[in-house]
């Protein structure tokens, strides 16, 4: 979006937004038909079998609290993505540079392997024999 608006291609920004909007509608319909409907055609529909407005107040309030918390959390993440992005960046850096992880998990074993690679085989075997005696 930024690049299309920065390059004076408003029609492209409009096309991107329209495509996203239409995709959201299509996926919402798929979700509704797949998860909110009852069984096959001719059977009682889930909407008619258990209407939400007839739920007991205690059940409705218990469902309302976590849903409200999730909606608020999603809105906050959308408005202020920097904390989430910084955590993701730290995680990505640890995946790209795994030295600290490898050191904490394989500390002494890795050190021994590096020492073995640096010493010739005959010296290493002599050190091992001396350590066993």
Protein backbone atom coordinates (compact mmCIF):
# COMPACT_ATOMS: atom_id res chain seq x y z
CA UNK A 1 0.00 0.00 0.00
CA UNK A 2 2.74 2.42 0.95
CA UNK A 3 4.67 1.80 -2.25
CA UNK A 4 1.60 2.13 -4.46
CA UNK A 5 0.54 5.39 -2.82
CA UNK A 6 4.11 6.70 -2.79
CA UNK A 7 4.46 5.95 -6.48
CA UNK A 8 1.22 7.80 -7.38
CA UNK A 9 -0.59 4.58 -8.25
CA UNK A 10 -3.86 5.17 -6.41
CA UNK A 11 -5.67 2.68 -8.60
CA UNK A 12 -3.32 -0.07 -7.36
CA UNK A 13 -3.94 0.85 -3.72
CA UNK A 14 -7.69 0.76 -4.39
CA UNK A 15 -7.36 -2.65 -6.07
CA UNK A 16 -5.38 -4.01 -3.10
CA UNK A 17 -7.97 -2.76 -0.61
CA UNK A 18 -10.88 -4.03 -2.70
CA UNK A 19 -9.28 -7.44 -3.08
CA UNK A 20 -8.65 -7.66 0.65
CA UNK A 21 -12.24 -6.64 1.40
CA UNK A 22 -13.72 -9.18 -1.03
CA UNK A 23 -11.42 -11.91 0.29
CA UNK A 24 -12.56 -11.12 3.84
CA UNK A 25 -16.21 -11.44 2.80
CA UNK A 26 -15.56 -14.72 0.98
CA UNK A 27 -13.62 -16.24 3.87
CA UNK A 28 -16.28 -15.08 6.33
CA UNK A 29 -18.93 -16.88 4.30
CA UNK A 30 -16.82 -20.02 4.14
CA UNK A 31 -16.28 -19.86 7.92
CA UNK A 32 -19.99 -19.31 8.58
CA UNK A 33 -21.08 -22.18 6.36
CA UNK A 34 -18.40 -24.56 7.61
CA UNK A 35 -18.60 -23.92 11.35
CA UNK A 36 -21.83 -22.14 12.22
CA UNK A 37 -24.31 -24.19 10.28
CA UNK A 38 -25.96 -27.39 11.34
CA UNK A 39 -25.78 -30.63 9.44
CA UNK A 40 -26.56 -31.34 5.80
CA UNK A 41 -29.48 -29.79 3.93
CA UNK A 42 -32.79 -30.94 5.35
CA UNK A 43 -31.53 -31.24 8.91
CA UNK A 44 -32.05 -28.72 11.66
CA UNK A 45 -29.71 -25.77 11.28
CA UNK A 46 -27.44 -24.89 14.22
CA UNK A 47 -28.75 -21.32 14.19
CA UNK A 48 -32.32 -22.53 14.67
CA UNK A 49 -31.45 -25.32 17.12
CA UNK A 50 -29.65 -23.14 19.69
CA UNK A 51 -30.24 -19.42 19.19
CA UNK A 52 -27.74 -17.29 21.06
CA UNK A 53 -30.35 -14.89 22.43
CA UNK A 54 -31.91 -17.68 24.49
CA UNK A 55 -28.73 -18.58 26.37
CA UNK A 56 -28.78 -18.17 30.13
CA UNK A 57 -27.30 -14.88 31.33
CA UNK A 58 -24.50 -16.67 33.23
CA UNK A 59 -23.42 -18.54 30.07
CA UNK A 60 -23.62 -15.43 27.91
CA UNK A 61 -21.62 -13.36 30.42
CA UNK A 62 -18.96 -16.06 30.73
CA UNK A 63 -18.60 -16.08 26.95
CA UNK A 64 -18.62 -12.28 26.70
CA UNK A 65 -15.66 -11.66 29.02
CA UNK A 66 -13.00 -13.71 27.16
CA UNK A 67 -14.28 -12.58 23.77
CA UNK A 68 -14.10 -8.96 24.85
CA UNK A 69 -10.59 -9.45 26.20
CA UNK A 70 -9.46 -11.01 22.91
CA UNK A 71 -11.04 -8.21 20.86
CA UNK A 72 -9.29 -5.58 22.99
CA UNK A 73 -5.98 -7.46 22.74
CA UNK A 74 -6.26 -7.77 18.95
CA UNK A 75 -7.08 -4.06 18.62
CA UNK A 76 -4.12 -3.11 20.82
CA UNK A 77 -1.77 -5.31 18.79
CA UNK A 78 -3.11 -3.73 15.61
CA UNK A 79 -2.68 -0.20 16.92
CA UNK A 80 0.65 -0.75 18.71
CA UNK A 81 2.52 -3.56 16.96
CA UNK A 82 6.01 -2.46 18.10
CA UNK A 83 6.25 -4.67 21.23
CA UNK A 84 5.17 -7.77 19.31
CA UNK A 85 7.52 -6.95 16.45
CA UNK A 86 10.46 -6.47 18.82
CA UNK A 87 9.82 -9.87 20.41
CA UNK A 88 9.56 -11.43 16.95
CA UNK A 89 12.80 -9.71 15.90
CA UNK A 90 14.61 -11.09 18.96
CA UNK A 91 13.31 -14.56 18.16
CA UNK A 92 14.38 -14.26 14.53
CA UNK A 93 17.87 -13.11 15.56
CA UNK A 94 18.22 -16.08 17.89
CA UNK A 95 17.28 -18.38 15.01
CA UNK A 96 19.78 -16.71 12.70
CA UNK A 97 22.58 -16.71 15.31
CA UNK A 98 22.09 -19.80 17.48
CA UNK A 99 25.47 -19.58 19.27
CA UNK A 100 24.02 -18.61 22.67
CA UNK A 101 21.41 -21.37 22.49
CA UNK A 102 23.93 -23.99 21.44
CA UNK A 103 26.28 -22.88 24.20
CA UNK A 104 23.60 -23.08 26.87
CA UNK A 105 22.37 -26.51 25.75
CA UNK A 106 25.59 -28.21 24.65
CA UNK A 107 28.10 -26.11 26.62
CA UNK A 108 30.81 -28.57 27.70
CA UNK A 109 30.16 -31.07 24.91
CA UNK A 110 30.62 -28.35 22.28
CA UNK A 111 33.79 -27.11 23.96
CA UNK A 112 35.22 -30.63 24.00
CA UNK A 113 34.32 -31.09 20.34
CA UNK A 114 36.08 -27.82 19.42
CA UNK A 115 39.17 -28.87 21.37
CA UNK A 116 39.16 -32.23 19.61
CA UNK A 117 39.01 -30.55 16.22
CA UNK A 118 41.96 -28.31 17.09
CA UNK A 119 44.29 -31.02 18.42
CA UNK A 120 45.80 -33.72 16.19
CA UNK A 121 44.36 -37.21 16.64
CA UNK A 122 47.50 -38.69 18.22
CA UNK A 123 47.67 -35.97 20.91
CA UNK A 124 43.93 -36.27 21.60
CA UNK A 125 44.14 -40.04 22.05
CA UNK A 126 47.12 -39.60 24.40
CA UNK A 127 45.15 -37.05 26.44
CA UNK A 128 42.18 -39.41 26.65
CA UNK A 129 44.36 -42.35 27.75
CA UNK A 130 45.96 -40.19 30.43
CA UNK A 131 42.53 -39.06 31.65
CA UNK A 132 41.30 -42.67 31.94
CA UNK A 133 44.25 -43.79 34.03
